[in-house]
Amino acid sequence: MAKHNTTKRNGNSGQQGQKARSGLFKRAMVALIAAACAFSLGFFVRGESQLLHSLGFVGAGITGDDKPAAQTQNANNSLGSRIAEVEKILDEDSVETYELDSATSALLEALATTADDPYMRYYTPLQYDELTRDVADTGSYSGVGVLFAEYNGRAYAVDVFDGSPAQQANVQEGDVVVAIDGNRDHDWTIAEVTTALKRSSGQDVVITWRHPASLDDTTGPEYTTTLACEDLSIPNIDIELIDGVGYIKLRQITQTSSKLMESAFRKLDAQGAIAYVIDVRDNPGGFLTQAVNIADLLLRSGTIVRIETQGADDTTKSATTNTTVTDKPVVVLVNGNTAASAEVLTAALQDNQRATVVGQNTLGKGSVQVTRELSFGGALRYTAAFYKSPLDYAFDKVGIMPDITVKLSETEDNQLAIALETAQNLASSES
């Protein structure tokens, strides 16, 4: 006969009650014994991490001796030690795998995003190859008529040249590059923009811009332009004798700027200049060595710039000769787009009382970025130093205050007019 889960009835109700009480007592005893065994087993398995792991209790029952090294004292106070701990766990216990290059890229991109350094950027091997590819390998290339600068890791238009494709598309000074050819998955640095615009004459490039209220503004309307790259020849230096004052417009500080500046001074001096105005408005900077060399043309002695690095005393660059290209009065004309090594030049002449600074507060780009190639491929860009003025003034994120503040008029270049007047007055006072 099949077994059932029911109990056979007995006519004697007393016997039924006694059996019921007996069963209840037995079940209570069994439960008590089981609880005691479980309690004793707990003491046993707490010290048996392997048994806990085999039972699926990963991380439970860890004693002081069993804690990972990274949890003791201050062993986990570096990113490297934390990553090493996780990697060790995965290597020893994980049954799954991960792709090393993808994991590396994701990790370093996250590090760059969360770092306090707005200029930090990880370049994959492919991106780094594009950045460092020699121009000769790609043939001649053109531009869209924009001089780019960089602020907080984002490239923006610091100057738009007359008659250029960018001017015809109504690109404005201060507009930030958001995307090139639809790629907007990261902030575009000036190096990346320059590389992306290395194209043959006539080739189109699609650039999406953002028009912010200021460089610190991360909002603003966006617009997209399709610009044809053209062969553009824009002189880096313009010179002119204006009412006896030698006017020099320096657009960038390039590899040849100091030689060009020396030539400009000599030409204007031959024309009878009584003083000089160096216009570095909208100058995004460039080569520090060239900025130092330009200052050296005007200084007989003294410190030109201080460079602050981690864990070391400031490095100083000083005037190296006791001769100058001219001893006549100098005025430096600046604005809110005067940046980096152009600010170094300005501060050097101001602190050494060699020039009067006219215009508006400079940008405050006093940091130095380097790009270091990595042994496993790619490269890391980061801030490695800060510029300081000869008098030890750190102008990063602060800028340099002019001696004579002049806000630009909407109808005329009143800044230049006052700079020329100041230069004339200085020349008159020395005569």
Protein backbone atom coordinates (compact mmCIF):
# COMPACT_ATOMS: atom_id res chain seq x y z
CA MET A 1 0.00 0.00 0.00
CA ALA A 2 1.15 3.54 -0.72
CA LYS A 3 2.41 5.54 2.19
CA HIS A 4 0.43 8.57 3.34
CA ASN A 5 1.38 11.61 5.39
CA THR A 6 -1.68 11.13 7.65
CA THR A 7 -1.61 9.47 11.18
CA LYS A 8 -3.73 6.29 11.83
CA ARG A 9 -6.67 7.08 14.07
CA ASN A 10 -6.87 5.36 17.47
CA GLY A 11 -10.05 5.02 19.31
CA ASN A 12 -8.37 5.89 22.60
CA SER A 13 -8.24 9.68 22.79
CA GLY A 14 -5.92 9.65 25.83
CA GLN A 15 -3.30 7.71 23.94
CA GLN A 16 -3.58 10.25 21.12
CA GLY A 17 -2.89 13.17 23.48
CA GLN A 18 0.08 11.41 25.05
CA LYS A 19 1.64 10.69 21.64
CA ALA A 20 1.14 14.29 20.60
CA ARG A 21 2.92 15.62 23.69
CA SER A 22 5.73 13.10 23.20
CA GLY A 23 6.21 14.23 19.58
CA LEU A 24 6.31 17.87 20.57
CA PHE A 25 8.95 17.17 23.18
CA LYS A 26 11.10 15.25 20.71
CA ARG A 27 10.91 18.05 18.14
CA ALA A 28 11.90 20.64 20.76
CA MET A 29 14.90 18.57 21.81
CA VAL A 30 16.03 18.16 18.21
CA ALA A 31 15.81 21.92 17.63
CA LEU A 32 17.79 22.65 20.79
CA ILE A 33 20.53 20.19 19.85
CA ALA A 34 20.73 21.66 16.32
CA ALA A 35 21.08 25.18 17.68
CA ALA A 36 23.86 24.10 20.00
CA CYS A 37 25.67 22.39 17.15
CA ALA A 38 25.34 25.45 14.95
CA PHE A 39 26.65 27.66 17.78
CA SER A 40 29.68 25.38 18.24
CA LEU A 41 30.23 25.18 14.50
CA GLY A 42 30.35 28.94 14.36
CA PHE A 43 33.45 29.02 16.57
CA PHE A 44 35.01 26.37 14.36
CA VAL A 45 34.45 27.94 10.97
CA ARG A 46 35.40 31.50 11.92
CA GLY A 47 39.06 30.53 11.71
CA GLU A 48 38.60 28.44 8.60
CA SER A 49 38.48 30.95 5.77
CA GLN A 50 38.90 28.22 3.16
CA LEU A 51 35.83 26.40 4.46
CA LEU A 52 33.89 29.69 4.46
CA HIS A 53 34.93 30.33 0.88
CA SER A 54 33.90 26.82 -0.14
CA LEU A 55 30.51 27.35 1.48
CA GLY A 56 30.07 30.64 -0.41
CA PHE A 57 30.56 32.95 2.59
CA VAL A 58 33.20 35.09 0.85
CA GLY A 59 34.43 37.86 3.12
CA ALA A 60 32.69 36.49 6.24
CA GLY A 61 34.44 35.47 9.43
CA ILE A 62 37.65 37.44 8.76
CA THR A 63 39.81 37.79 11.82
CA GLY A 64 42.49 40.41 12.38
CA ASP A 65 45.11 38.06 10.95
CA ASP A 66 43.01 37.33 7.86
CA LYS A 67 42.38 40.95 6.81
CA PRO A 68 43.96 41.99 3.50
CA ALA A 69 47.11 44.03 3.89
CA ALA A 70 45.45 47.06 2.26
CA GLN A 71 42.98 47.22 5.17
CA THR A 72 45.67 47.52 7.81
CA GLN A 73 47.03 50.87 8.95
CA ASN A 74 47.73 53.17 5.99
CA ALA A 75 48.66 50.61 3.35
CA ASN A 76 45.70 51.65 1.17
CA ASN A 77 46.59 55.33 0.91
CA SER A 78 47.69 55.15 -2.74
CA LEU A 79 45.86 54.35 -5.94
CA GLY A 80 48.52 51.84 -6.89
CA SER A 81 48.10 49.76 -3.72
CA ARG A 82 44.32 49.68 -4.11
CA ILE A 83 44.52 48.60 -7.74
CA ALA A 84 47.16 46.01 -6.81
CA GLU A 85 44.84 44.55 -4.17
CA VAL A 86 41.95 44.25 -6.59
CA GLU A 87 44.17 42.80 -9.30
CA LYS A 88 45.57 40.22 -6.87
CA ILE A 89 42.05 39.13 -5.87
CA LEU A 90 41.00 38.77 -9.50
CA ASP A 91 44.17 36.90 -10.44
CA GLU A 92 43.76 34.44 -7.57
CA ASP A 93 40.02 33.94 -7.30
CA SER A 94 38.07 35.23 -10.30
CA VAL A 95 36.91 32.68 -12.87
CA GLU A 96 36.37 35.47 -15.41
CA THR A 97 38.90 37.54 -17.33
CA TYR A 98 39.23 41.16 -18.43
CA GLU A 99 40.86 42.85 -21.42
CA LEU A 100 43.99 44.59 -20.18
CA ASP A 101 44.16 47.46 -22.71
CA SER A 102 40.47 48.32 -22.32
CA ALA A 103 40.73 48.18 -18.53
CA THR A 104 43.83 50.39 -18.61
CA SER A 105 42.14 52.99 -20.80
CA ALA A 106 39.00 53.05 -18.66
CA LEU A 107 41.00 53.35 -15.45
CA LEU A 108 43.26 56.15 -16.67
CA GLU A 109 40.40 58.07 -18.27
CA ALA A 110 38.51 57.87 -14.96
CA LEU A 111 41.63 59.08 -13.13
CA ALA A 112 41.94 62.06 -15.48
CA THR A 113 38.25 62.89 -15.05
CA THR A 114 38.37 62.85 -11.24
CA ALA A 115 41.75 64.58 -10.84
CA ASP A 116 41.96 68.20 -9.75
CA ASP A 117 44.12 68.88 -12.80
CA PRO A 118 41.79 70.15 -15.57
CA TYR A 119 44.53 69.58 -18.15
CA MET A 120 45.14 65.92 -17.36
CA ARG A 121 44.44 63.62 -20.28
CA TYR A 122 45.27 60.01 -21.14
CA TYR A 123 46.02 59.33 -24.80
CA THR A 124 45.64 55.82 -26.13
CA PRO A 125 48.46 54.56 -28.37
CA LEU A 126 46.40 55.44 -31.46
CA GLN A 127 45.58 58.95 -30.21
CA TYR A 128 49.18 59.59 -29.23
CA ASP A 129 50.38 58.46 -32.64
CA GLU A 130 48.03 60.97 -34.27
CA LEU A 131 49.27 63.76 -32.01
CA THR A 132 52.94 63.11 -32.66
CA ARG A 133 52.76 62.34 -36.35
CA ASP A 134 55.16 64.59 -38.20
CA VAL A 135 53.64 67.13 -40.52
CA ALA A 136 55.91 65.92 -43.30
CA ASP A 137 54.20 62.54 -43.17
CA THR A 138 50.84 64.06 -44.05
CA GLY A 139 51.97 66.63 -46.59
CA SER A 140 51.09 70.30 -46.48
CA TYR A 141 48.09 71.32 -44.43
CA SER A 142 45.85 74.30 -44.08
CA GLY A 143 43.73 76.05 -41.50
CA VAL A 144 40.33 77.64 -41.01
CA GLY A 145 41.58 81.06 -39.96
CA VAL A 146 41.43 80.67 -36.19
CA LEU A 147 44.16 81.12 -33.63
CA PHE A 148 43.41 78.69 -30.81
CA ALA A 149 44.23 78.88 -27.13
CA GLU A 150 43.40 76.56 -24.24
CA TYR A 151 41.71 77.12 -20.91
CA ASN A 152 40.98 74.38 -18.36
CA GLY A 153 41.73 71.73 -20.96
CA ARG A 154 39.38 73.14 -23.62
CA ALA A 155 40.48 74.78 -26.87
CA TYR A 156 38.82 78.03 -27.85
CA ALA A 157 39.14 80.69 -30.56
CA VAL A 158 41.37 83.45 -29.26
CA ASP A 159 41.52 85.25 -32.62
CA VAL A 160 39.56 84.94 -35.88
CA PHE A 161 41.44 86.24 -38.91
CA ASP A 162 39.88 88.69 -41.33
CA GLY A 163 38.54 87.11 -44.50
CA SER A 164 39.02 83.55 -43.23
CA PRO A 165 36.44 80.73 -43.52
CA ALA A 166 35.84 80.98 -39.77
CA GLN A 167 35.08 84.70 -39.93
CA GLN A 168 32.70 84.14 -42.83
CA ALA A 169 30.90 81.53 -40.70
CA ASN A 170 30.63 84.08 -37.87
CA VAL A 171 32.90 82.21 -35.43
CA GLN A 172 33.49 84.54 -32.49
CA GLU A 173 36.50 85.05 -30.26
CA GLY A 174 36.00 83.00 -27.09
CA ASP A 175 33.94 80.27 -28.78
CA VAL A 176 34.90 76.82 -27.45
CA VAL A 177 35.44 73.74 -29.62
CA VAL A 178 32.87 71.10 -28.66
CA ALA A 179 33.26 68.56 -31.46
CA ILE A 180 35.19 67.98 -34.67
CA ASP A 181 33.59 65.84 -37.35
CA GLY A 182 30.96 64.75 -34.83
CA ASN A 183 33.42 63.50 -32.21
CA ARG A 184 32.39 65.02 -28.88
CA ASP A 185 33.30 62.25 -26.47
CA HIS A 186 35.96 64.38 -24.74
CA ASP A 187 37.10 67.97 -24.24
CA TRP A 188 39.28 69.04 -27.17
CA THR A 189 42.73 70.32 -26.23
CA ILE A 190 44.65 72.73 -28.42
CA ALA A 191 47.04 69.94 -29.49
CA GLU A 192 44.14 67.74 -30.56
CA VAL A 193 42.46 70.55 -32.49
CA THR A 194 45.70 71.41 -34.25
CA THR A 195 46.19 67.78 -35.22
CA ALA A 196 42.60 67.40 -36.45
CA LEU A 197 42.98 70.45 -38.71
CA LYS A 198 46.05 69.11 -40.50
CA ARG A 199 44.23 68.72 -43.80
CA SER A 200 44.81 69.45 -47.44
CA SER A 201 43.66 72.75 -48.85
CA GLY A 202 40.01 72.59 -49.87
CA GLN A 203 39.12 69.72 -47.54
CA ASP A 204 36.12 70.38 -45.28
CA VAL A 205 36.03 70.06 -41.52
CA VAL A 206 32.88 70.13 -39.41
CA ILE A 207 33.36 71.95 -36.11
CA THR A 208 30.74 72.34 -33.40
CA TRP A 209 31.27 75.41 -31.22
CA ARG A 210 29.83 76.64 -27.95
CA HIS A 211 29.37 80.36 -27.33
CA PRO A 212 29.84 80.86 -23.54
CA ALA A 213 29.35 84.05 -21.58
CA SER A 214 32.95 83.69 -20.32
CA LEU A 215 35.74 81.13 -20.41
CA ASP A 216 34.66 79.83 -17.00
CA ASP A 217 31.11 79.32 -18.28
CA THR A 218 30.43 75.68 -19.24
CA THR A 219 27.05 76.48 -20.82
CA GLY A 220 25.97 78.50 -23.81
CA PRO A 221 24.34 77.91 -27.20
CA GLU A 222 26.01 75.55 -29.65
CA TYR A 223 26.29 75.87 -33.41
CA THR A 224 27.97 73.82 -36.13
CA THR A 225 30.08 75.07 -39.02
CA THR A 226 31.41 73.33 -42.11
CA LEU A 227 34.66 75.10 -42.96
CA ALA A 228 36.91 74.61 -45.94
CA CYS A 229 40.57 74.47 -45.00
CA GLU A 230 42.65 77.02 -46.87
CA ASP A 231 46.30 77.87 -47.23
CA LEU A 232 46.63 80.83 -44.89
CA SER A 233 49.72 82.94 -44.44
CA ILE A 234 49.30 85.12 -41.37
CA PRO A 235 52.43 86.98 -40.22
CA ASN A 236 53.24 86.35 -36.59
CA ILE A 237 54.52 89.90 -36.12
CA ASP A 238 53.25 93.20 -37.48
CA ILE A 239 55.22 96.39 -37.01
CA GLU A 240 54.33 100.04 -37.58
CA LEU A 241 55.65 103.42 -36.54
CA ILE A 242 52.71 105.38 -35.09
CA ASP A 243 53.34 109.02 -34.06
CA GLY A 244 56.93 108.23 -33.23
CA VAL A 245 56.10 105.07 -31.25
CA GLY A 246 57.21 101.69 -32.53
CA TYR A 247 54.19 99.38 -32.47
CA ILE A 248 54.82 95.60 -32.47
CA LYS A 249 51.93 93.13 -32.62
CA LEU A 250 53.03 89.65 -31.46
CA ARG A 251 50.33 87.05 -32.16
CA GLN A 252 52.02 83.94 -30.77
CA ILE A 253 55.30 83.05 -29.15
CA THR A 254 56.71 80.63 -31.68
CA GLN A 255 60.14 79.07 -32.17
CA THR A 256 61.39 82.13 -34.07
CA SER A 257 59.70 84.90 -32.09
CA SER A 258 62.79 86.24 -30.32
CA LYS A 259 64.65 86.69 -33.60
CA LEU A 260 61.61 88.33 -35.19
CA MET A 261 61.23 90.66 -32.19
CA GLU A 262 64.90 91.64 -32.30
CA SER A 263 64.57 92.43 -36.01
CA ALA A 264 61.40 94.44 -35.35
CA PHE A 265 63.09 96.57 -32.68
CA ARG A 266 66.03 97.31 -34.95
CA LYS A 267 63.82 98.25 -37.92
CA LEU A 268 61.66 100.58 -35.84
CA ASP A 269 64.70 102.08 -34.15
CA ALA A 270 66.14 102.85 -37.58
CA GLN A 271 62.86 104.63 -38.39
CA GLY A 272 63.29 106.86 -35.35
CA ALA A 273 61.06 105.23 -32.74
CA ILE A 274 61.19 107.06 -29.40
CA ALA A 275 59.39 104.30 -27.45
CA TYR A 276 57.68 100.95 -28.04
CA VAL A 277 54.34 99.26 -27.55
CA ILE A 278 54.37 95.45 -27.52
CA ASP A 279 50.83 94.24 -28.18
CA VAL A 280 50.25 90.74 -26.78
CA ARG A 281 46.49 90.95 -26.61
CA ASP A 282 44.90 87.63 -27.61
CA ASN A 283 48.34 86.00 -27.50
CA PRO A 284 47.90 82.41 -26.21
CA GLY A 285 51.59 82.03 -25.42
CA GLY A 286 53.80 79.31 -26.77
CA PHE A 287 57.46 78.53 -26.19
CA LEU A 288 58.73 79.53 -22.75
CA THR A 289 62.32 79.73 -23.97
CA GLN A 290 61.30 82.26 -26.59
CA ALA A 291 59.41 84.38 -24.03
CA VAL A 292 62.54 84.36 -21.86
CA ASN A 293 64.70 85.33 -24.84
CA ILE A 294 62.38 88.23 -25.73
CA ALA A 295 62.54 89.53 -22.16
CA ASP A 296 66.31 89.11 -22.29
CA LEU A 297 66.40 91.51 -25.25
CA LEU A 298 65.11 94.25 -22.95
CA LEU A 299 66.73 93.39 -19.58
CA ARG A 300 70.37 93.82 -18.60
CA SER A 301 69.97 91.72 -15.47
CA GLY A 302 67.43 90.24 -13.11
CA THR A 303 65.11 87.27 -12.85
CA ILE A 304 62.75 86.68 -15.77
CA VAL A 305 60.58 83.83 -14.46
CA ARG A 306 60.33 81.41 -11.56
CA ILE A 307 59.16 77.84 -12.18
CA GLU A 308 57.60 75.90 -9.32
CA THR A 309 57.71 72.10 -9.47
CA GLN A 310 56.79 69.36 -7.02
CA GLY A 311 59.24 68.63 -4.25
CA ALA A 312 61.94 71.04 -5.40
CA ASP A 313 63.03 74.63 -4.99
CA ASP A 314 61.88 77.09 -7.63
CA THR A 315 63.90 77.13 -10.83
CA THR A 316 64.71 80.61 -12.08
CA LYS A 317 65.50 81.93 -15.54
CA SER A 318 67.46 85.16 -15.55
CA ALA A 319 68.79 87.69 -18.02
CA THR A 320 71.98 86.30 -19.52
CA THR A 321 73.60 89.31 -21.16
CA ASN A 322 74.45 92.81 -20.03
CA THR A 323 73.27 94.31 -23.31
CA THR A 324 69.83 95.15 -24.64
CA VAL A 325 68.35 95.73 -28.06
CA THR A 326 66.95 99.07 -26.80
CA ASP A 327 66.82 101.11 -23.61
CA LYS A 328 63.85 103.21 -24.75
CA PRO A 329 60.54 103.10 -22.84
CA VAL A 330 58.31 100.06 -23.38
CA VAL A 331 54.57 99.57 -22.88
CA VAL A 332 53.02 96.08 -22.92
CA LEU A 333 49.39 95.91 -24.05
CA VAL A 334 47.38 92.99 -22.62
CA ASN A 335 43.82 91.68 -22.31
CA GLY A 336 41.90 88.74 -20.91
CA ASN A 337 43.26 86.41 -23.60
CA THR A 338 46.92 87.11 -22.92
CA ALA A 339 48.05 83.75 -21.60
CA ALA A 340 50.85 81.41 -20.53
CA SER A 341 54.31 82.43 -21.79
CA ALA A 342 52.89 85.77 -22.98
CA GLU A 343 52.04 86.37 -19.32
CA VAL A 344 55.57 85.33 -18.39
CA LEU A 345 56.92 88.02 -20.72
CA THR A 346 54.52 90.60 -19.30
CA ALA A 347 55.33 89.79 -15.66
CA ALA A 348 59.08 89.80 -16.33
CA LEU A 349 59.02 93.31 -17.78
CA GLN A 350 56.56 94.58 -15.17
CA ASP A 351 58.34 93.22 -12.08
CA ASN A 352 61.71 94.43 -13.32
CA GLN A 353 60.18 97.88 -13.90
CA ARG A 354 61.17 97.71 -17.54
CA ALA A 355 57.67 98.21 -18.95
CA THR A 356 54.33 99.74 -18.10
CA VAL A 357 51.44 97.32 -18.58
CA VAL A 358 48.22 98.71 -20.09
CA GLY A 359 44.88 97.02 -20.79
CA GLN A 360 42.89 94.42 -18.88
CA ASN A 361 43.70 91.62 -16.45
CA THR A 362 45.35 88.69 -18.23
CA LEU A 363 43.91 85.18 -18.44
CA GLY A 364 45.87 83.53 -15.63
CA LYS A 365 47.21 80.48 -17.46
CA GLY A 366 50.28 80.01 -15.30
CA SER A 367 50.51 76.24 -15.43
CA VAL A 368 52.86 74.08 -17.50
CA GLN A 369 51.67 70.86 -19.11
CA VAL A 370 53.88 68.01 -20.27
CA THR A 371 52.99 64.88 -22.20
CA ARG A 372 54.93 61.81 -21.12
CA GLU A 373 54.99 58.64 -23.19
CA LEU A 374 54.06 55.49 -21.24
CA SER A 375 56.01 52.24 -21.41
CA PHE A 376 52.88 50.20 -22.21
CA GLY A 377 51.77 52.55 -25.00
CA GLY A 378 50.02 55.88 -25.19
CA ALA A 379 50.87 58.90 -23.10
CA LEU A 380 49.75 60.95 -20.12
CA ARG A 381 49.37 64.72 -20.25
CA TYR A 382 49.44 66.49 -16.89
CA THR A 383 50.40 69.72 -15.15
CA ALA A 384 54.02 69.55 -14.07
CA ALA A 385 54.85 73.10 -13.02
CA PHE A 386 53.57 76.61 -12.37
CA TYR A 387 54.97 79.91 -13.57
CA LYS A 388 55.60 82.67 -11.06
CA SER A 389 56.70 86.23 -11.64
CA PRO A 390 60.21 87.44 -10.72
CA LEU A 391 58.75 88.84 -7.48
CA ASP A 392 57.31 85.39 -6.65
CA TYR A 393 53.72 86.18 -7.67
CA ALA A 394 51.76 83.07 -8.71
CA PHE A 395 49.43 84.27 -11.45
CA ASP A 396 47.77 80.95 -12.39
CA LYS A 397 43.96 81.36 -12.32
CA VAL A 398 44.50 84.97 -11.18
CA GLY A 399 46.21 86.73 -14.05
CA ILE A 400 48.39 89.81 -14.11
CA MET A 401 46.87 93.17 -13.26
CA PRO A 402 47.92 96.00 -15.57
CA ASP A 403 49.43 99.22 -14.25
CA ILE A 404 46.81 101.14 -16.23
CA THR A 405 43.46 99.39 -16.61
CA VAL A 406 41.53 100.18 -19.78
CA LYS A 407 38.37 98.40 -20.89
CA LEU A 408 38.08 98.04 -24.66
CA SER A 409 35.54 100.32 -26.29
CA GLU A 410 32.98 98.85 -28.69
CA THR A 411 33.60 101.60 -31.24
CA GLU A 412 37.38 102.09 -31.27
CA ASP A 413 40.65 100.60 -30.07
CA ASN A 414 40.99 102.91 -27.10
CA GLN A 415 43.38 100.49 -25.41
CA LEU A 416 45.94 100.96 -28.17
CA ALA A 417 45.40 104.73 -28.12
CA ILE A 418 46.16 104.91 -24.39
CA ALA A 419 49.15 102.59 -24.75
CA LEU A 420 50.62 104.83 -27.47
CA GLU A 421 49.95 107.93 -25.36
CA THR A 422 51.58 106.31 -22.34
CA ALA A 423 54.65 105.41 -24.40
CA GLN A 424 54.92 108.99 -25.68
CA ASN A 425 54.65 110.39 -22.15
CA LEU A 426 57.35 108.03 -20.89
CA ALA A 427 59.65 109.08 -23.72
CA SER A 428 59.00 112.76 -23.00
CA SER A 429 59.77 112.34 -19.30
CA GLU A 430 63.13 110.75 -20.10
CA SER A 431 64.22 113.33 -22.64
